[in-house]
Protein backbone atom coordinates (compact mmCIF):
# COMPACT_ATOMS: atom_id res chain seq x y z
CA MET A 1 -14.00 -11.49 17.44
CA GLY A 2 -11.76 -14.51 16.17
CA ILE A 3 -10.63 -12.35 13.40
CA LYS A 4 -9.52 -9.48 15.66
CA LEU A 5 -7.53 -11.96 17.99
CA SER A 6 -5.92 -13.62 15.02
CA TRP A 7 -4.86 -10.30 13.75
CA LEU A 8 -3.73 -9.00 17.15
CA ILE A 9 -1.75 -12.25 17.67
CA GLY A 10 -0.11 -11.94 14.40
CA PHE A 11 0.75 -8.24 14.79
CA LEU A 12 2.42 -8.94 18.13
CA LEU A 13 4.18 -11.87 16.78
CA SER A 14 5.40 -9.77 13.78
CA VAL A 15 6.61 -6.91 16.02
CA THR A 16 8.57 -9.54 18.57
CA ALA A 17 10.28 -11.01 15.74
CA ILE A 18 11.50 -7.85 14.34
CA ILE A 19 12.85 -6.63 17.76
CA VAL A 20 14.50 -9.96 18.35
CA PHE A 21 16.02 -9.93 14.97
CA SER A 22 17.35 -6.47 15.51
CA SER A 23 18.84 -6.56 18.83
CA HIS A 24 19.86 -10.14 19.57
CA SER A 25 23.54 -11.21 19.17
CA ALA A 26 22.79 -14.36 17.45
CA PHE A 27 21.36 -12.45 14.50
CA GLU A 28 24.22 -10.16 14.20
CA THR A 29 25.88 -11.75 11.15
CA HIS A 30 22.40 -11.94 9.27
CA ARG A 31 21.99 -8.21 10.27
CA GLU A 32 25.48 -7.31 8.56
CA LYS A 33 24.53 -9.20 5.65
CA LEU A 34 20.95 -7.46 5.16
CA LYS A 35 22.91 -4.10 5.81
CA GLU A 36 25.41 -4.93 3.20
CA PHE A 37 22.72 -5.85 0.65
CA TYR A 38 20.68 -2.83 1.48
CA ARG A 39 23.65 -0.59 0.65
CA LYS A 40 24.31 -2.26 -2.55
CA CYS A 41 20.76 -1.64 -3.58
CA THR A 42 20.64 1.99 -2.68
CA THR A 43 24.34 3.25 -2.98
CA ALA A 44 25.51 4.63 -6.57
CA THR A 45 28.52 3.76 -7.86
CA PRO A 46 30.79 5.95 -10.43
CA ALA A 47 29.62 4.04 -13.46
CA ASP A 48 26.05 4.53 -13.11
CA ASN A 49 24.47 6.70 -15.88
CA TYR A 50 21.78 8.91 -14.43
CA GLU A 51 20.46 10.00 -17.83
CA THR A 52 18.26 7.38 -17.85
CA ILE A 53 15.74 5.42 -15.39
CA SER A 54 17.43 2.16 -14.21
CA GLY A 55 18.16 0.11 -11.49
CA TRP A 56 15.97 -0.82 -8.57
CA LEU A 57 13.67 1.95 -10.34
CA TYR A 58 12.52 -0.52 -12.73
CA VAL A 59 11.18 -2.59 -10.01
CA TRP A 60 9.44 0.42 -8.43
CA LEU A 61 7.55 1.01 -11.74
CA PHE A 62 6.72 -2.65 -11.66
CA THR A 63 5.47 -2.60 -8.12
CA ALA A 64 3.85 0.82 -8.50
CA SER A 65 1.67 -0.98 -11.50
CA VAL A 66 0.81 -3.92 -9.28
CA VAL A 67 -0.49 -1.76 -6.36
CA SER A 68 -2.29 0.58 -8.88
CA LEU A 69 -4.00 -2.67 -10.41
CA LYS A 70 -5.14 -3.85 -7.09
CA ILE A 71 -6.50 -0.40 -6.48
CA VAL A 72 -8.35 -0.13 -9.73
CA LEU A 73 -9.94 -3.95 -8.87
CA GLY A 74 -11.00 -2.67 -5.75
CA LEU A 75 -12.60 0.47 -7.01
CA ILE A 76 -14.63 -1.68 -9.59
CA GLN A 77 -16.07 -3.49 -6.80
CA VAL A 78 -17.44 -0.59 -5.14
CA LEU A 79 -19.06 1.23 -8.51
CA PRO A 80 -22.74 0.80 -8.24
CA PRO A 81 -22.87 -0.26 -11.81
CA PHE A 82 -20.91 -3.51 -10.96
CA ASN A 83 -22.38 -4.09 -7.48
CA HIS A 84 -25.65 -2.66 -7.32
CA VAL A 85 -27.02 -5.44 -4.76
CA ILE A 86 -24.70 -4.25 -2.17
CA TRP A 87 -25.46 -0.46 -2.71
CA ALA A 88 -29.28 -1.30 -2.68
CA SER A 89 -28.89 -3.05 0.87
CA ALA A 90 -26.79 -0.20 1.97
CA ASN A 91 -29.51 2.39 1.30
CA ASP A 92 -32.35 0.17 2.08
CA PRO A 93 -32.92 0.01 5.89
CA MET A 94 -35.50 -2.89 5.76
CA ALA A 95 -32.98 -5.06 3.98
CA ALA A 96 -31.72 -8.13 5.90
CA ALA A 97 -28.09 -7.18 5.49
CA TYR A 98 -28.57 -3.54 6.19
CA ASP A 99 -26.03 -1.88 8.52
CA PRO A 100 -25.67 2.00 9.08
CA LEU A 101 -22.03 1.56 8.50
CA LEU A 102 -21.89 -0.11 5.47
CA ARG A 103 -22.76 2.88 3.06
CA PRO A 104 -19.86 4.94 4.90
CA LEU A 105 -17.67 1.78 4.14
CA LEU A 106 -18.44 1.76 0.45
CA LEU A 107 -18.37 5.62 -0.01
CA PHE A 108 -14.90 5.48 1.76
CA LYS A 109 -13.52 2.92 -0.77
CA LEU A 110 -15.22 4.84 -3.56
CA VAL A 111 -13.47 8.19 -2.41
CA SER A 112 -10.44 7.01 -0.89
CA ARG A 113 -9.61 4.53 -4.16
CA THR A 114 -10.21 7.40 -6.66
CA THR A 115 -8.00 9.87 -5.02
CA LEU A 116 -5.33 7.07 -4.94
CA LEU A 117 -5.53 6.63 -8.60
CA TRP A 118 -5.24 10.58 -9.10
CA VAL A 119 -2.16 10.39 -6.78
CA VAL A 120 -0.82 7.64 -8.83
CA SER A 121 -1.32 9.75 -12.28
CA VAL A 122 0.42 12.72 -10.92
CA MET A 123 3.29 10.63 -9.69
CA ALA A 124 3.59 8.88 -13.34
CA ILE A 125 3.74 12.08 -14.90
CA GLY A 126 6.60 13.64 -12.43
CA PHE A 127 8.20 10.36 -12.70
CA LEU A 128 8.53 10.82 -16.32
CA ASN A 129 9.80 14.56 -16.04
CA ARG A 130 11.82 13.59 -13.12
CA ARG A 131 10.19 16.16 -10.60
CA GLN A 132 11.56 16.56 -7.30
CA TYR A 133 8.47 16.06 -5.71
CA VAL A 134 8.31 12.32 -6.92
CA PRO A 135 10.06 10.56 -4.06
CA LYS A 136 8.14 12.42 -1.37
CA LEU A 137 5.00 11.59 -3.52
CA ALA A 138 5.78 7.99 -3.81
CA ILE A 139 6.24 7.51 0.17
CA GLY A 140 2.89 9.34 0.70
CA PHE A 141 1.17 7.08 -1.68
CA LEU A 142 2.44 4.05 -0.17
CA VAL A 143 1.78 5.02 3.21
CA ALA A 144 -1.62 6.55 2.27
CA ASN A 145 -2.77 3.10 0.52
CA LEU A 146 -1.67 1.09 3.51
CA LEU A 147 -3.89 3.57 5.99
CA VAL A 148 -6.68 3.34 3.35
CA LEU A 149 -6.67 -0.70 3.80
CA MET A 150 -6.62 -0.59 7.35
CA THR A 151 -9.58 1.83 7.68
CA GLU A 152 -11.72 -0.12 5.58
CA GLN A 153 -10.71 -3.42 7.82
CA LEU A 154 -11.61 -1.21 10.95
CA LEU A 155 -15.14 -0.21 9.32
CA LEU A 156 -15.56 -3.97 8.24
CA TRP A 157 -15.00 -5.13 11.79
CA GLU A 158 -17.74 -2.78 13.21
CA LEU A 159 -20.09 -4.30 10.83
CA SER A 160 -22.76 -6.20 12.14
CA PRO A 161 -22.20 -10.32 12.31
CA LEU A 162 -24.95 -10.87 9.94
CA THR A 163 -23.58 -8.23 7.38
CA GLN A 164 -20.21 -9.38 7.58
CA LEU A 165 -21.38 -12.84 6.73
CA TRP A 166 -23.43 -11.53 3.80
CA LEU A 167 -20.28 -9.54 2.55
CA SER A 168 -18.07 -12.55 2.75
CA PRO A 169 -18.37 -13.74 -0.93
CA TRP A 170 -17.76 -10.15 -1.84
CA LYS A 171 -14.28 -10.17 -0.28
CA PRO A 172 -14.39 -6.29 0.72
CA PHE A 173 -10.91 -6.70 2.44
CA PRO A 174 -8.39 -8.64 -0.03
CA THR A 175 -5.52 -9.92 2.19
CA TYR A 176 -3.21 -10.23 -0.71
CA GLU A 177 -3.43 -6.47 -1.35
CA PHE A 178 -2.94 -5.58 2.23
CA ALA A 179 0.24 -7.85 2.34
CA LEU A 180 1.50 -6.18 -0.90
CA ALA A 181 0.91 -2.64 0.76
CA ILE A 182 3.21 -3.72 3.82
CA CYS A 183 5.95 -5.07 1.97
CA SER A 184 5.87 -2.12 -0.43
CA CYS A 185 6.31 0.27 2.42
CA LEU A 186 8.61 -1.97 4.22
CA PHE A 187 11.16 -1.89 1.26
CA TRP A 188 10.37 1.34 -0.76
CA VAL A 189 9.74 3.91 1.72
CA PRO A 190 13.58 3.46 3.16
CA TYR A 191 14.65 3.16 -0.64
CA PHE A 192 13.21 6.48 -1.45
CA LEU A 193 14.51 8.18 1.78
CA SER A 194 18.23 6.83 1.39
CA SER A 195 18.75 6.11 -2.31
CA LYS A 196 21.86 8.24 -3.96
CA ARG A 197 20.34 7.18 -7.31
CA VAL A 198 16.85 8.60 -6.42
CA LYS A 199 18.35 11.98 -5.09
CA LEU A 200 20.36 12.50 -8.35
CA ILE A 201 17.79 11.57 -10.64
CA PHE A 202 14.88 13.47 -9.17
CA SER A 203 16.71 16.74 -8.75
CA VAL A 204 16.96 20.11 -10.69
CA ARG A 205 20.28 19.24 -12.15
CA SER A 206 18.96 16.15 -13.48
CA ARG A 207 16.68 18.12 -15.36
CA ALA A 208 19.05 20.91 -16.62
């Protein structure tokens, strides 16, 4: 209950801070500076060379690599050969830490993270070949990753207190991964939606 309350308070404080920053006159100068910085990041210049991947897309490659690594590590955690003790408890109703939702949580992590890695593979191939679907697929990947982490947390909250305590050394919900997912969505989703560089690189004309 304490974890849920702290999450709710943190969420409300974050939303309040965003609303105040985006509307209060005292932050007008800071908002203009932020807009100018974002325009420089997403606006192309005549000297740009769109024949090669450059600019902020290098940062995107690094971000996607880190996110993918986190997904891989989370997937390894739920593979039976690496965590047979938890799977044994999830399938044994007589186990002390057994909970009916433990197995759905493990299966969800297994299936969702495998699917995300498949999407990353398709996105990587499309990125190298400058396919038109890459920006939309990147946005979908980032949002889906965040939704997967949120669903994992919701399932974890529904487990019994004893099971949650038993899982605590395993750390089934890594906070850093969730923070990375939120920051990635906040920056890269607007970038892929509005960047002229992205629109010119991932187009039919760029492959002609």
